Protein backbone atom coordinates (compact mmCIF):
# COMPACT_ATOMS: atom_id res chain seq x y z
CA MET A 1 12.72 -32.86 4.74
CA GLN A 2 11.08 -30.87 7.54
CA LEU A 3 8.97 -27.77 7.14
CA SER A 4 9.78 -24.96 9.51
CA THR A 5 7.05 -23.25 11.48
CA LEU A 6 7.51 -20.20 9.26
CA GLY A 7 7.14 -22.35 6.14
CA ILE A 8 3.91 -23.83 7.43
CA ALA A 9 2.57 -20.38 8.32
CA CYS A 10 3.40 -19.11 4.83
CA ALA A 11 1.67 -22.10 3.25
CA VAL A 12 -1.47 -21.44 5.30
CA ILE A 13 -1.47 -17.79 4.23
CA VAL A 14 -1.10 -18.70 0.55
CA VAL A 15 -3.76 -21.39 0.68
CA GLY A 16 -6.04 -19.16 2.76
CA SER A 17 -6.01 -16.35 0.21
CA GLY A 18 -8.18 -18.06 -2.40
CA PRO A 19 -11.82 -17.37 -3.24
CA GLY A 20 -12.68 -16.50 0.36
CA LEU A 21 -10.52 -13.41 0.08
CA THR A 22 -13.32 -11.60 -1.71
CA HIS A 23 -15.44 -11.96 1.41
CA SER A 24 -12.81 -10.51 3.67
CA LYS A 25 -12.48 -7.52 1.36
CA GLY A 26 -16.26 -7.14 1.09
CA LEU A 27 -17.21 -7.24 4.77
CA TYR A 28 -17.52 -3.96 6.65
CA ALA A 29 -18.29 -3.17 10.28
CA THR A 30 -20.58 -0.24 9.46
CA GLU A 31 -23.34 0.49 6.98
CA THR A 32 -21.52 3.67 5.96
CA GLU A 33 -18.39 1.77 4.90
CA ALA A 34 -20.48 -0.72 2.91
CA TRP A 35 -22.37 2.13 1.18
CA GLN A 36 -19.10 3.83 0.25
CA ARG A 37 -17.77 0.63 -1.30
CA ALA A 38 -21.10 -0.08 -3.01
CA GLU A 39 -20.96 3.30 -4.73
CA GLN A 40 -17.34 2.67 -5.81
CA ILE A 41 -18.21 -0.59 -7.52
CA GLY A 42 -21.57 0.42 -8.96
CA CYS A 43 -24.10 -1.13 -6.57
CA ASN A 44 -27.27 0.61 -5.39
CA SER A 45 -27.77 -1.29 -2.13
CA ILE A 46 -26.07 -3.11 0.75
CA HIS A 47 -26.90 -6.21 2.80
CA GLN A 48 -25.98 -7.85 6.10
CA ASN A 49 -23.94 -11.01 6.43
CA ASN A 50 -23.39 -12.49 9.91
CA GLY A 51 -23.61 -9.13 11.64
CA ARG A 52 -21.34 -7.36 9.16
CA TRP A 53 -22.26 -5.25 6.11
CA MET A 54 -21.55 -5.98 2.46
CA PRO A 55 -22.04 -3.87 -0.67
CA CYS A 56 -24.73 -4.78 -3.24
CA ALA A 57 -28.09 -6.50 -2.81
CA ASP A 58 -26.48 -9.91 -2.30
CA GLU A 59 -23.20 -11.75 -2.76
CA ARG A 60 -24.04 -12.70 -6.34
CA GLU A 61 -24.32 -9.06 -7.36
CA LEU A 62 -21.19 -8.20 -5.38
CA HIS A 63 -19.17 -10.82 -7.23
CA GLN A 64 -20.55 -9.67 -10.59
CA GLN A 65 -19.53 -6.08 -9.86
CA LEU A 66 -16.08 -7.09 -8.61
CA ARG A 67 -15.44 -9.06 -11.82
CA LYS A 68 -16.08 -5.87 -13.80
CA GLN A 69 -13.29 -4.08 -11.93
């Protein structure tokens, strides 16, 4: 049985949407966007991660707040 190119692409998308998805939803290009999200989820600060901005003081706090949602 052969997998089509589309089937392989779909498998990559499904596998790629695991725990790392939180990071892609939590990274923002601007401080303003990160502050807006921080306020939405109950954080009082933001931080940088590889040149991008994330809500909350650190990733641990971000994950704690996201679990409350």
